[in-house]
Amino acid sequence: MTTLKDIAKEAGVSIMTVSRVINGNKSKVSEETARKIMEIIKKYNYVPNSSARSLSSKNSRIVSVIFGGYGNYLTDAYFSTMFSGITQHVQSHGYHTMVNYVNDYHDITRLLHTWNADGAIFLGIFDNDILKIKEDNQIPLVFTDSYSPVRQITNVGIDDYKGGVLAAKHFIERGHRNFAFVGPSLGINFSGVVQHRLQGFKDTITNAGLTLKSEHILSVDEDINVIEKILHSNEPITAIFATSDMIAIDLIDKITSMGLQVPKDYSIIGFDNLPLSYYVTPKLTTIAQDINLKAKLASDILFRHMNDLSLPSESIVLDVHLIERASVRSIR
């Protein structure tokens, strides 16, 4: 059986250096050395001794919550609410949560095997790697907000398309005819969540005999001057649909700082119904999803599958609805 000492000897480094790499503390290790160590670990399928006790019992009582990428997820209102809800439900079952940020699907397998996790819940975009993740990990896995074409995955999501439909209908019913859609560039290009919200918004506008122009589909990451683009549009935009409440609130702040007003000059609809959407001025009209229910269902489904590995995969789509507040005006 391969030991830490064996890996250190083959890599030509100290045991402490190998330990740092295994524990993700690579600040004092060169990229070349870290890569060499990881190759040796993979070569021997090494599992750190820190999980030996759980391996021997075949039950670690650990549920891994995995975030895709290295973003500040726990400072994001949506993801922090999801994580908080999941943690509460996991602990109520007598288990512990382990949070991990990954940017490569190989890291997922290594982490789950290292800590002998009994199950995992995924938050973020994993659609391109779901098949590989499933093939490499034979434990219950629950994904959230996935639009992967891979069959037989367990997923908890919401009706994102309907959210876009509701936003467009609300604008149109209040006389708006010129629209903008604002979201993250990664989401617009890669996320099924954002793409479905956009498609529902766009289809409803088209079905009403109106148009959402491609130049009015804006990215908060790439289009630094989003407000400038909206201000100087050839056709005066009056209605803006943001893919999250936080983007909507940021737009309200920028519009206000330019001496303009919401909803007098621009009407805005957000998405999520975060608590902050009620306290911002003006109070934000938004598409509401039940984040706490989503967290509970993801946790409950995971434990159901952990208790009975023969259960078939299941997919749940939660409903959304529009909450009307004060950020949309009627145009007469």
C-alpha atoms as a PDB file:
ATOM      1  CA  MET A   1       0.000   0.000   0.000  1.00  0.00           C
ATOM      2  CA  THR A   2       1.426   3.363  -1.046  1.00  0.00           C
ATOM      3  CA  THR A   3       2.269   5.722   1.809  1.00  0.00           C
ATOM      4  CA  LEU A   4       2.960   9.439   2.088  1.00  0.00           C
ATOM      5  CA  LYS A   5       6.638   8.573   2.488  1.00  0.00           C
ATOM      6  CA  ASP A   6       6.627   6.571  -0.764  1.00  0.00           C
ATOM      7  CA  ILE A   7       5.125   9.499  -2.702  1.00  0.00           C
ATOM      8  CA  ALA A   8       7.637  11.941  -1.201  1.00  0.00           C
ATOM      9  CA  LYS A   9      10.544   9.642  -2.124  1.00  0.00           C
ATOM     10  CA  GLU A  10       9.417   9.191  -5.728  1.00  0.00           C
ATOM     11  CA  ALA A  11       8.778  12.921  -6.133  1.00  0.00           C
ATOM     12  CA  GLY A  12      12.104  13.799  -4.526  1.00  0.00           C
ATOM     13  CA  VAL A  13      10.535  16.109  -1.958  1.00  0.00           C
ATOM     14  CA  SER A  14       9.784  16.129   1.754  1.00  0.00           C
ATOM     15  CA  ILE A  15       6.751  14.476   3.331  1.00  0.00           C
ATOM     16  CA  MET A  16       5.627  17.945   4.449  1.00  0.00           C
ATOM     17  CA  THR A  17       5.598  19.144   0.822  1.00  0.00           C
ATOM     18  CA  VAL A  18       3.418  16.214  -0.224  1.00  0.00           C
ATOM     19  CA  SER A  19       1.086  16.903   2.694  1.00  0.00           C
ATOM     20  CA  ARG A  20       0.757  20.557   1.675  1.00  0.00           C
ATOM     21  CA  VAL A  21      -0.219  19.610  -1.871  1.00  0.00           C
ATOM     22  CA  ILE A  22      -2.756  17.012  -0.713  1.00  0.00           C
ATOM     23  CA  ASN A  23      -4.390  19.547   1.587  1.00  0.00           C
ATOM     24  CA  GLY A  24      -4.549  22.218  -1.110  1.00  0.00           C
ATOM     25  CA  ASN A  25      -1.890  24.446   0.474  1.00  0.00           C
ATOM     26  CA  LYS A  26       0.285  25.042  -2.580  1.00  0.00           C
ATOM     27  CA  SER A  27       1.514  28.567  -1.783  1.00  0.00           C
ATOM     28  CA  LYS A  28       4.984  27.278  -0.874  1.00  0.00           C
ATOM     29  CA  VAL A  29       5.158  24.650  -3.614  1.00  0.00           C
ATOM     30  CA  SER A  30       6.071  25.307  -7.250  1.00  0.00           C
ATOM     31  CA  GLU A  31       3.495  24.479  -9.926  1.00  0.00           C
ATOM     32  CA  GLU A  32       5.834  21.894 -11.449  1.00  0.00           C
ATOM     33  CA  THR A  33       6.379  20.119  -8.113  1.00  0.00           C
ATOM     34  CA  ALA A  34       2.667  20.178  -7.270  1.00  0.00           C
ATOM     35  CA  ARG A  35       1.817  18.740 -10.683  1.00  0.00           C
ATOM     36  CA  LYS A  36       4.432  15.986 -10.270  1.00  0.00           C
ATOM     37  CA  ILE A  37       3.070  15.037  -6.841  1.00  0.00           C
ATOM     38  CA  MET A  38      -0.532  14.943  -8.119  1.00  0.00           C
ATOM     39  CA  GLU A  39       0.517  12.693 -11.006  1.00  0.00           C
ATOM     40  CA  ILE A  40       2.103  10.236  -8.563  1.00  0.00           C
ATOM     41  CA  ILE A  41      -0.998  10.343  -6.323  1.00  0.00           C
ATOM     42  CA  LYS A  42      -3.174   9.592  -9.338  1.00  0.00           C
ATOM     43  CA  LYS A  43      -0.789   6.877 -10.517  1.00  0.00           C
ATOM     44  CA  TYR A  44      -1.119   4.925  -7.266  1.00  0.00           C
ATOM     45  CA  ASN A  45      -4.727   5.936  -6.488  1.00  0.00           C
ATOM     46  CA  TYR A  46      -3.425   7.160  -3.153  1.00  0.00           C
ATOM     47  CA  VAL A  47      -5.971   7.979  -0.438  1.00  0.00           C
ATOM     48  CA  PRO A  48      -4.613  10.133   2.439  1.00  0.00           C
ATOM     49  CA  ASN A  49      -4.399   8.543   5.880  1.00  0.00           C
ATOM     50  CA  SER A  50      -6.642  11.307   7.230  1.00  0.00           C
ATOM     51  CA  SER A  51      -9.608   9.331   5.928  1.00  0.00           C
ATOM     52  CA  ALA A  52      -8.386   5.887   6.932  1.00  0.00           C
ATOM     53  CA  ARG A  53     -10.811   5.639   9.819  1.00  0.00           C
ATOM     54  CA  SER A  54     -13.799   6.446   7.626  1.00  0.00           C
ATOM     55  CA  LEU A  55     -12.569   4.043   4.965  1.00  0.00           C
ATOM     56  CA  SER A  56     -12.414   1.196   7.427  1.00  0.00           C
ATOM     57  CA  SER A  57     -15.965   1.874   8.590  1.00  0.00           C
ATOM     58  CA  LYS A  58     -17.217   2.379   5.029  1.00  0.00           C
ATOM     59  CA  ASN A  59     -19.192   5.364   6.306  1.00  0.00           C
ATOM     60  CA  SER A  60     -17.666   8.819   6.750  1.00  0.00           C
ATOM     61  CA  ARG A  61     -20.957  10.604   7.560  1.00  0.00           C
ATOM     62  CA  ILE A  62     -19.714  13.357   5.255  1.00  0.00           C
ATOM     63  CA  VAL A  63     -21.784  15.038   2.542  1.00  0.00           C
ATOM     64  CA  SER A  64     -19.695  17.087   0.156  1.00  0.00           C
ATOM     65  CA  VAL A  65     -21.152  20.347  -1.176  1.00  0.00           C
ATOM     66  CA  ILE A  66     -19.239  21.119  -4.360  1.00  0.00           C
ATOM     67  CA  PHE A  67     -19.112  24.536  -6.007  1.00  0.00           C
ATOM     68  CA  GLY A  68     -18.015  24.780  -9.646  1.00  0.00           C
ATOM     69  CA  GLY A  69     -15.136  27.214 -10.158  1.00  0.00           C
ATOM     70  CA  TYR A  70     -13.321  29.440  -7.728  1.00  0.00           C
ATOM     71  CA  GLY A  71     -15.840  32.258  -7.380  1.00  0.00           C
ATOM     72  CA  ASN A  72     -16.782  33.759  -4.027  1.00  0.00           C
ATOM     73  CA  TYR A  73     -19.911  31.646  -3.790  1.00  0.00           C
ATOM     74  CA  LEU A  74     -20.412  32.027  -0.058  1.00  0.00           C
ATOM     75  CA  THR A  75     -20.537  35.820  -0.425  1.00  0.00           C
ATOM     76  CA  ASP A  76     -23.237  35.469  -3.091  1.00  0.00           C
ATOM     77  CA  ALA A  77     -26.697  35.841  -1.543  1.00  0.00           C
ATOM     78  CA  TYR A  78     -28.275  33.024  -3.579  1.00  0.00           C
ATOM     79  CA  PHE A  79     -25.520  30.440  -3.065  1.00  0.00           C
ATOM     80  CA  SER A  80     -25.023  31.300   0.603  1.00  0.00           C
ATOM     81  CA  THR A  81     -28.759  30.771   1.187  1.00  0.00           C
ATOM     82  CA  MET A  82     -28.625  27.427  -0.619  1.00  0.00           C
ATOM     83  CA  PHE A  83     -25.547  26.304   1.291  1.00  0.00           C
ATOM     84  CA  SER A  84     -27.001  27.368   4.632  1.00  0.00           C
ATOM     85  CA  GLY A  85     -30.207  25.429   3.940  1.00  0.00           C
ATOM     86  CA  ILE A  86     -28.336  22.318   2.804  1.00  0.00           C
ATOM     87  CA  THR A  87     -26.059  22.418   5.867  1.00  0.00           C
ATOM     88  CA  GLN A  88     -29.002  22.606   8.248  1.00  0.00           C
ATOM     89  CA  HIS A  89     -30.756  19.634   6.638  1.00  0.00           C
ATOM     90  CA  VAL A  90     -27.567  17.558   6.413  1.00  0.00           C
ATOM     91  CA  GLN A  91     -26.798  18.143  10.076  1.00  0.00           C
ATOM     92  CA  SER A  92     -30.368  17.241  11.026  1.00  0.00           C
ATOM     93  CA  HIS A  93     -29.580  13.761   9.637  1.00  0.00           C
ATOM     94  CA  GLY A  94     -26.486  13.504  11.844  1.00  0.00           C
ATOM     95  CA  TYR A  95     -24.056  14.134   8.992  1.00  0.00           C
ATOM     96  CA  HIS A  96     -21.424  16.794   8.349  1.00  0.00           C
ATOM     97  CA  THR A  97     -21.017  19.043   5.301  1.00  0.00           C
ATOM     98  CA  MET A  98     -17.677  19.556   3.611  1.00  0.00           C
ATOM     99  CA  VAL A  99     -17.529  22.479   1.190  1.00  0.00           C
ATOM    100  CA  ASN A 100     -15.197  22.267  -1.811  1.00  0.00           C
ATOM    101  CA  TYR A 101     -14.457  24.595  -4.717  1.00  0.00           C
ATOM    102  CA  VAL A 102     -13.355  22.798  -7.880  1.00  0.00           C
ATOM    103  CA  ASN A 103     -12.383  23.943 -11.347  1.00  0.00           C
ATOM    104  CA  ASP A 104     -11.716  20.546 -12.917  1.00  0.00           C
ATOM    105  CA  TYR A 105     -13.791  17.397 -12.722  1.00  0.00           C
ATOM    106  CA  HIS A 106     -10.692  15.358 -11.778  1.00  0.00           C
ATOM    107  CA  ASP A 107     -10.575  17.344  -8.520  1.00  0.00           C
ATOM    108  CA  ILE A 108     -14.112  16.173  -7.753  1.00  0.00           C
ATOM    109  CA  THR A 109     -13.201  12.495  -7.888  1.00  0.00           C
ATOM    110  CA  ARG A 110     -10.039  13.046  -5.860  1.00  0.00           C
ATOM    111  CA  LEU A 111     -11.906  14.955  -3.139  1.00  0.00           C
ATOM    112  CA  LEU A 112     -14.799  12.509  -2.900  1.00  0.00           C
ATOM    113  CA  HIS A 113     -12.461   9.528  -2.754  1.00  0.00           C
ATOM    114  CA  THR A 114     -10.021  11.180  -0.355  1.00  0.00           C
ATOM    115  CA  TRP A 115     -12.671  11.890   2.242  1.00  0.00           C
ATOM    116  CA  ASN A 116     -14.810   8.838   1.447  1.00  0.00           C
ATOM    117  CA  ALA A 117     -17.872  11.081   1.108  1.00  0.00           C
ATOM    118  CA  ASP A 118     -21.209   9.295   1.393  1.00  0.00           C
ATOM    119  CA  GLY A 119     -22.894  11.651  -1.073  1.00  0.00           C
ATOM    120  CA  ALA A 120     -22.522  15.020  -2.791  1.00  0.00           C
ATOM    121  CA  ILE A 121     -24.629  18.010  -3.789  1.00  0.00           C
ATOM    122  CA  PHE A 122     -23.435  20.192  -6.655  1.00  0.00           C
ATOM    123  CA  LEU A 123     -23.982  23.962  -6.861  1.00  0.00           C
ATOM    124  CA  GLY A 124     -22.885  25.740 -10.029  1.00  0.00           C
ATOM    125  CA  ILE A 125     -22.352  24.784 -13.671  1.00  0.00           C
ATOM    126  CA  PHE A 126     -21.277  21.150 -14.169  1.00  0.00           C
ATOM    127  CA  ASP A 127     -23.277  20.228 -17.289  1.00  0.00           C
ATOM    128  CA  ASN A 128     -20.264  19.524 -19.509  1.00  0.00           C
ATOM    129  CA  ASP A 129     -18.736  17.091 -17.002  1.00  0.00           C
ATOM    130  CA  ILE A 130     -21.767  15.374 -15.477  1.00  0.00           C
ATOM    131  CA  LEU A 131     -21.315  12.114 -17.398  1.00  0.00           C
ATOM    132  CA  LYS A 132     -17.656  11.826 -16.339  1.00  0.00           C
ATOM    133  CA  ILE A 133     -18.524  12.743 -12.736  1.00  0.00           C
ATOM    134  CA  LYS A 134     -21.181  10.010 -12.623  1.00  0.00           C
ATOM    135  CA  GLU A 135     -18.918   7.393 -14.188  1.00  0.00           C
ATOM    136  CA  ASP A 136     -16.072   8.071 -11.749  1.00  0.00           C
ATOM    137  CA  ASN A 137     -18.134   8.264  -8.556  1.00  0.00           C
ATOM    138  CA  GLN A 138     -20.542   5.518  -7.567  1.00  0.00           C
ATOM    139  CA  ILE A 139     -22.133   7.360  -4.649  1.00  0.00           C
ATOM    140  CA  PRO A 140     -25.444   9.287  -4.623  1.00  0.00           C
ATOM    141  CA  LEU A 141     -25.033  12.629  -6.405  1.00  0.00           C
ATOM    142  CA  VAL A 142     -27.581  15.438  -6.545  1.00  0.00           C
ATOM    143  CA  PHE A 143     -27.189  18.282  -9.029  1.00  0.00           C
ATOM    144  CA  THR A 144     -29.015  21.598  -8.905  1.00  0.00           C
ATOM    145  CA  ASP A 145     -30.206  23.720 -11.831  1.00  0.00           C
ATOM    146  CA  SER A 146     -28.699  21.361 -14.385  1.00  0.00           C
ATOM    147  CA  TYR A 147     -29.680  21.352 -18.050  1.00  0.00           C
ATOM    148  CA  SER A 148     -27.361  18.515 -19.007  1.00  0.00           C
ATOM    149  CA  PRO A 149     -28.650  16.245 -21.811  1.00  0.00           C
ATOM    150  CA  VAL A 150     -27.287  13.264 -19.866  1.00  0.00           C
ATOM    151  CA  ARG A 151     -30.110  10.999 -18.780  1.00  0.00           C
ATOM    152  CA  GLN A 152     -30.531   9.425 -15.379  1.00  0.00           C
ATOM    153  CA  ILE A 153     -29.158  12.213 -13.225  1.00  0.00           C
ATOM    154  CA  THR A 154     -30.837  13.424 -10.067  1.00  0.00           C
ATOM    155  CA  ASN A 155     -31.497  17.146 -10.286  1.00  0.00           C
ATOM    156  CA  VAL A 156     -33.471  19.821  -8.459  1.00  0.00           C
ATOM    157  CA  GLY A 157     -34.175  22.952 -10.489  1.00  0.00           C
ATOM    158  CA  ILE A 158     -36.776  25.590 -11.239  1.00  0.00           C
ATOM    159  CA  ASP A 159     -38.825  26.622 -14.260  1.00  0.00           C
ATOM    160  CA  ASP A 160     -36.348  29.211 -15.551  1.00  0.00           C
ATOM    161  CA  TYR A 161     -38.153  29.535 -18.881  1.00  0.00           C
ATOM    162  CA  LYS A 162     -41.388  30.465 -17.120  1.00  0.00           C
ATOM    163  CA  GLY A 163     -39.482  33.091 -15.162  1.00  0.00           C
ATOM    164  CA  GLY A 164     -38.517  34.815 -18.410  1.00  0.00           C
ATOM    165  CA  VAL A 165     -42.100  34.539 -19.663  1.00  0.00           C
ATOM    166  CA  LEU A 166     -43.501  36.161 -16.513  1.00  0.00           C
ATOM    167  CA  ALA A 167     -41.035  39.042 -16.680  1.00  0.00           C
ATOM    168  CA  ALA A 168     -41.842  39.793 -20.335  1.00  0.00           C
ATOM    169  CA  LYS A 169     -45.603  39.571 -19.770  1.00  0.00           C
ATOM    170  CA  HIS A 170     -45.426  41.973 -16.854  1.00  0.00           C
ATOM    171  CA  PHE A 171     -43.530  44.535 -18.906  1.00  0.00           C
ATOM    172  CA  ILE A 172     -45.822  44.182 -21.933  1.00  0.00           C
ATOM    173  CA  GLU A 173     -49.008  44.418 -19.863  1.00  0.00           C
ATOM    174  CA  ARG A 174     -47.704  47.724 -18.536  1.00  0.00           C
ATOM    175  CA  GLY A 175     -47.137  49.191 -21.959  1.00  0.00           C
ATOM    176  CA  HIS A 176     -43.407  48.640 -22.443  1.00  0.00           C
ATOM    177  CA  ARG A 177     -42.202  48.017 -25.987  1.00  0.00           C
ATOM    178  CA  ASN A 178     -38.398  48.311 -25.842  1.00  0.00           C
ATOM    179  CA  PHE A 179     -36.489  45.860 -23.686  1.00  0.00           C
ATOM    180  CA  ALA A 180     -33.027  44.882 -22.478  1.00  0.00           C
ATOM    181  CA  PHE A 181     -31.797  41.619 -20.937  1.00  0.00           C
ATOM    182  CA  VAL A 182     -28.824  41.768 -18.566  1.00  0.00           C
ATOM    183  CA  GLY A 183     -26.915  38.772 -17.209  1.00  0.00           C
ATOM    184  CA  PRO A 184     -23.416  37.403 -16.585  1.00  0.00           C
ATOM    185  CA  SER A 185     -21.382  36.610 -19.695  1.00  0.00           C
ATOM    186  CA  LEU A 186     -20.616  33.081 -18.477  1.00  0.00           C
ATOM    187  CA  GLY A 187     -24.313  32.518 -17.930  1.00  0.00           C
ATOM    188  CA  ILE A 188     -25.413  33.928 -21.290  1.00  0.00           C
ATOM    189  CA  ASN A 189     -22.875  31.773 -23.114  1.00  0.00           C
ATOM    190  CA  PHE A 190     -22.803  28.573 -21.064  1.00  0.00           C
ATOM    191  CA  SER A 191     -25.459  28.377 -18.352  1.00  0.00           C
ATOM    192  CA  GLY A 192     -28.723  26.628 -19.150  1.00  0.00           C
ATOM    193  CA  VAL A 193     -30.305  28.570 -16.304  1.00  0.00           C
ATOM    194  CA  VAL A 194     -29.598  31.975 -17.861  1.00  0.00           C
ATOM    195  CA  GLN A 195     -30.240  30.760 -21.395  1.00  0.00           C
ATOM    196  CA  HIS A 196     -33.697  29.453 -20.464  1.00  0.00           C
ATOM    197  CA  ARG A 197     -34.582  32.702 -18.699  1.00  0.00           C
ATOM    198  CA  LEU A 198     -33.496  34.586 -21.793  1.00  0.00           C
ATOM    199  CA  GLN A 199     -35.415  32.274 -24.133  1.00  0.00           C
ATOM    200  CA  GLY A 200     -38.637  32.590 -22.151  1.00  0.00           C
ATOM    201  CA  PHE A 201     -38.255  36.382 -22.116  1.00  0.00           C
ATOM    202  CA  LYS A 202     -37.434  36.561 -25.805  1.00  0.00           C
ATOM    203  CA  ASP A 203     -40.171  34.157 -26.983  1.00  0.00           C
ATOM    204  CA  THR A 204     -42.865  36.049 -25.094  1.00  0.00           C
ATOM    205  CA  ILE A 205     -41.744  39.356 -26.563  1.00  0.00           C
ATOM    206  CA  THR A 206     -41.702  37.848 -30.077  1.00  0.00           C
ATOM    207  CA  ASN A 207     -45.150  36.281 -29.624  1.00  0.00           C
ATOM    208  CA  ALA A 208     -46.465  39.743 -28.750  1.00  0.00           C
ATOM    209  CA  GLY A 209     -45.228  41.071 -32.105  1.00  0.00           C
ATOM    210  CA  LEU A 210     -42.290  42.876 -30.518  1.00  0.00           C
ATOM    211  CA  THR A 211     -38.508  42.396 -30.639  1.00  0.00           C
ATOM    212  CA  LEU A 212     -35.656  41.902 -28.207  1.00  0.00           C
ATOM    213  CA  LYS A 213     -32.684  43.045 -30.263  1.00  0.00           C
ATOM    214  CA  SER A 214     -29.438  41.108 -30.001  1.00  0.00           C
ATOM    215  CA  GLU A 215     -27.547  44.296 -29.100  1.00  0.00           C
ATOM    216  CA  HIS A 216     -29.859  44.663 -26.109  1.00  0.00           C
ATOM    217  CA  ILE A 217     -28.750  41.317 -24.633  1.00  0.00           C
ATOM    218  CA  LEU A 218     -26.015  42.658 -22.383  1.00  0.00           C
ATOM    219  CA  SER A 219     -23.338  41.094 -20.197  1.00  0.00           C
ATOM    220  CA  VAL A 220     -22.408  42.705 -16.900  1.00  0.00           C
ATOM    221  CA  ASP A 221     -18.947  41.128 -17.190  1.00  0.00           C
ATOM    222  CA  GLU A 222     -18.032  42.081 -20.748  1.00  0.00           C
ATOM    223  CA  ASP A 223     -20.143  45.198 -21.324  1.00  0.00           C
ATOM    224  CA  ILE A 224     -18.602  47.379 -18.626  1.00  0.00           C
ATOM    225  CA  ASN A 225     -20.776  50.343 -19.555  1.00  0.00           C
ATOM    226  CA  VAL A 226     -24.097  48.499 -19.580  1.00  0.00           C
ATOM    227  CA  ILE A 227     -25.998  51.600 -18.470  1.00  0.00           C
ATOM    228  CA  GLU A 228     -24.257  53.713 -21.118  1.00  0.00           C
ATOM    229  CA  LYS A 229     -25.322  51.243 -23.803  1.00  0.00           C
ATOM    230  CA  ILE A 230     -28.899  51.308 -22.548  1.00  0.00           C
ATOM    231  CA  LEU A 231     -28.904  55.110 -22.357  1.00  0.00           C
ATOM    232  CA  HIS A 232     -27.612  55.559 -25.899  1.00  0.00           C
ATOM    233  CA  SER A 233     -29.714  52.894 -27.586  1.00  0.00           C
ATOM    234  CA  ASN A 234     -31.220  54.028 -30.908  1.00  0.00           C
ATOM    235  CA  GLU A 235     -34.623  53.063 -29.606  1.00  0.00           C
ATOM    236  CA  PRO A 236     -35.226  54.228 -26.009  1.00  0.00           C
ATOM    237  CA  ILE A 237     -35.209  51.181 -23.737  1.00  0.00           C
ATOM    238  CA  THR A 238     -37.691  51.391 -20.875  1.00  0.00           C
ATOM    239  CA  ALA A 239     -37.719  47.834 -19.458  1.00  0.00           C
ATOM    240  CA  ILE A 240     -34.745  45.834 -18.150  1.00  0.00           C
ATOM    241  CA  PHE A 241     -34.887  42.183 -17.077  1.00  0.00           C
ATOM    242  CA  ALA A 242     -31.917  41.132 -14.912  1.00  0.00           C
ATOM    243  CA  THR A 243     -31.110  37.457 -14.349  1.00  0.00           C
ATOM    244  CA  SER A 244     -30.643  37.972 -10.611  1.00  0.00           C
ATOM    245  CA  ASP A 245     -31.748  40.353  -7.909  1.00  0.00           C
ATOM    246  CA  MET A 246     -28.134  41.333  -7.220  1.00  0.00           C
ATOM    247  CA  ILE A 247     -27.621  42.408 -10.838  1.00  0.00           C
ATOM    248  CA  ALA A 248     -30.925  44.306 -10.732  1.00  0.00           C
ATOM    249  CA  ILE A 249     -29.966  46.081  -7.505  1.00  0.00           C
ATOM    250  CA  ASP A 250     -26.585  47.031  -8.956  1.00  0.00           C
ATOM    251  CA  LEU A 251     -28.332  48.467 -12.022  1.00  0.00           C
ATOM    252  CA  ILE A 252     -30.655  50.521  -9.808  1.00  0.00           C
ATOM    253  CA  ASP A 253     -27.628  51.911  -7.976  1.00  0.00           C
ATOM    254  CA  LYS A 254     -25.841  52.853 -11.211  1.00  0.00           C
ATOM    255  CA  ILE A 255     -28.966  54.410 -12.739  1.00  0.00           C
ATOM    256  CA  THR A 256     -29.576  56.453  -9.600  1.00  0.00           C
ATOM    257  CA  SER A 257     -25.961  57.627  -9.478  1.00  0.00           C
ATOM    258  CA  MET A 258     -26.422  59.109 -12.971  1.00  0.00           C
ATOM    259  CA  GLY A 259     -29.304  61.279 -11.796  1.00  0.00           C
ATOM    260  CA  LEU A 260     -31.950  59.018 -13.307  1.00  0.00           C
ATOM    261  CA  GLN A 261     -34.769  57.200 -11.536  1.00  0.00           C
ATOM    262  CA  VAL A 262     -36.269  53.731 -11.303  1.00  0.00           C
ATOM    263  CA  PRO A 263     -39.026  53.226 -12.371  1.00  0.00           C
ATOM    264  CA  LYS A 264     -39.598  56.723 -13.832  1.00  0.00           C
ATOM    265  CA  ASP A 265     -36.816  56.410 -16.412  1.00  0.00           C
ATOM    266  CA  TYR A 266     -36.229  52.646 -16.406  1.00  0.00           C
ATOM    267  CA  SER A 267     -38.323  49.771 -15.126  1.00  0.00           C
ATOM    268  CA  ILE A 268     -36.444  46.759 -13.751  1.00  0.00           C
ATOM    269  CA  ILE A 269     -37.334  43.164 -12.850  1.00  0.00           C
ATOM    270  CA  GLY A 270     -34.931  40.912 -10.959  1.00  0.00           C
ATOM    271  CA  PHE A 271     -34.853  37.185 -10.245  1.00  0.00           C
ATOM    272  CA  ASP A 272     -34.706  35.131  -6.993  1.00  0.00           C
ATOM    273  CA  ASN A 273     -36.691  37.252  -4.496  1.00  0.00           C
ATOM    274  CA  LEU A 274     -33.758  37.610  -2.119  1.00  0.00           C
ATOM    275  CA  PRO A 275     -34.561  39.433   1.162  1.00  0.00           C
ATOM    276  CA  LEU A 276     -32.592  42.453  -0.058  1.00  0.00           C
ATOM    277  CA  SER A 277     -35.029  42.919  -2.961  1.00  0.00           C
ATOM    278  CA  TYR A 278     -37.645  44.090  -0.456  1.00  0.00           C
ATOM    279  CA  TYR A 279     -35.393  46.640   1.245  1.00  0.00           C
ATOM    280  CA  VAL A 280     -33.832  48.306  -1.789  1.00  0.00           C
ATOM    281  CA  THR A 281     -35.324  51.599  -3.014  1.00  0.00           C
ATOM    282  CA  PRO A 282     -37.538  51.242  -4.933  1.00  0.00           C
ATOM    283  CA  LYS A 283     -38.620  47.807  -3.723  1.00  0.00           C
ATOM    284  CA  LEU A 284     -37.749  45.373  -6.493  1.00  0.00           C
ATOM    285  CA  THR A 285     -40.295  43.566  -8.646  1.00  0.00           C
ATOM    286  CA  THR A 286     -38.811  40.098  -9.054  1.00  0.00           C
ATOM    287  CA  ILE A 287     -39.346  36.516 -10.153  1.00  0.00           C
ATOM    288  CA  ALA A 288     -39.497  34.491  -6.952  1.00  0.00           C
ATOM    289  CA  GLN A 289     -38.089  31.027  -6.424  1.00  0.00           C
ATOM    290  CA  ASP A 290     -38.164  29.134  -3.124  1.00  0.00           C
ATOM    291  CA  ILE A 291     -34.453  28.738  -2.407  1.00  0.00           C
ATOM    292  CA  ASN A 292     -34.997  27.172   1.010  1.00  0.00           C
ATOM    293  CA  LEU A 293     -37.321  24.548  -0.462  1.00  0.00           C
ATOM    294  CA  LYS A 294     -34.784  23.792  -3.190  1.00  0.00           C
ATOM    295  CA  ALA A 295     -32.085  23.261  -0.547  1.00  0.00           C
ATOM    296  CA  LYS A 296     -34.356  21.001   1.504  1.00  0.00           C
ATOM    297  CA  LEU A 297     -35.382  18.887  -1.487  1.00  0.00           C
ATOM    298  CA  ALA A 298     -31.778  18.477  -2.667  1.00  0.00           C
ATOM    299  CA  SER A 299     -30.821  17.277   0.828  1.00  0.00           C
ATOM    300  CA  ASP A 300     -33.835  15.018   1.327  1.00  0.00           C
ATOM    301  CA  ILE A 301     -33.405  13.381  -2.073  1.00  0.00           C
ATOM    302  CA  LEU A 302     -29.712  12.777  -1.409  1.00  0.00           C
ATOM    303  CA  PHE A 303     -30.421  11.011   1.884  1.00  0.00           C
ATOM    304  CA  ARG A 304     -33.218   8.998   0.315  1.00  0.00           C
ATOM    305  CA  HIS A 305     -30.761   7.709  -2.280  1.00  0.00           C
ATOM    306  CA  MET A 306     -28.027   7.168   0.316  1.00  0.00           C
ATOM    307  CA  ASN A 307     -30.438   4.958   2.257  1.00  0.00           C
ATOM    308  CA  ASP A 308     -31.484   3.026  -0.845  1.00  0.00           C
ATOM    309  CA  LEU A 309     -28.913   2.883  -3.633  1.00  0.00           C
ATOM    310  CA  SER A 310     -31.384   1.065  -5.901  1.00  0.00           C
ATOM    311  CA  LEU A 311     -33.668   4.092  -6.266  1.00  0.00           C
ATOM    312  CA  PRO A 312     -33.953   5.490  -9.807  1.00  0.00           C
ATOM    313  CA  SER A 313     -32.760   9.008 -10.578  1.00  0.00           C
ATOM    314  CA  GLU A 314     -35.328  11.767 -10.229  1.00  0.00           C
ATOM    315  CA  SER A 315     -35.736  15.287 -11.515  1.00  0.00           C
ATOM    316  CA  ILE A 316     -37.762  17.969  -9.764  1.00  0.00           C
ATOM    317  CA  VAL A 317     -38.716  21.308 -11.331  1.00  0.00           C
ATOM    318  CA  LEU A 318     -40.026  23.878  -8.862  1.00  0.00           C
ATOM    319  CA  ASP A 319     -42.436  26.619  -9.876  1.00  0.00           C
ATOM    320  CA  VAL A 320     -41.679  30.344  -9.940  1.00  0.00           C
ATOM    321  CA  HIS A 321     -43.971  33.361  -9.665  1.00  0.00           C
ATOM    322  CA  LEU A 322     -43.759  37.109 -10.060  1.00  0.00           C
ATOM    323  CA  ILE A 323     -43.831  39.401  -7.038  1.00  0.00           C
ATOM    324  CA  GLU A 324     -44.937  42.895  -7.984  1.00  0.00           C
ATOM    325  CA  ARG A 325     -43.398  45.734  -6.022  1.00  0.00           C
ATOM    326  CA  ALA A 326     -42.361  49.223  -7.116  1.00  0.00           C
ATOM    327  CA  SER A 327     -39.618  48.964  -9.751  1.00  0.00           C
ATOM    328  CA  VAL A 328     -41.911  48.746 -12.806  1.00  0.00           C
ATOM    329  CA  ARG A 329     -44.151  51.584 -13.986  1.00  0.00           C
ATOM    330  CA  SER A 330     -47.022  51.571 -16.422  1.00  0.00           C
ATOM    331  CA  ILE A 331     -46.629  53.513 -19.653  1.00  0.00           C
ATOM    332  CA  ARG A 332     -49.847  55.106 -20.812  1.00  0.00           C
END
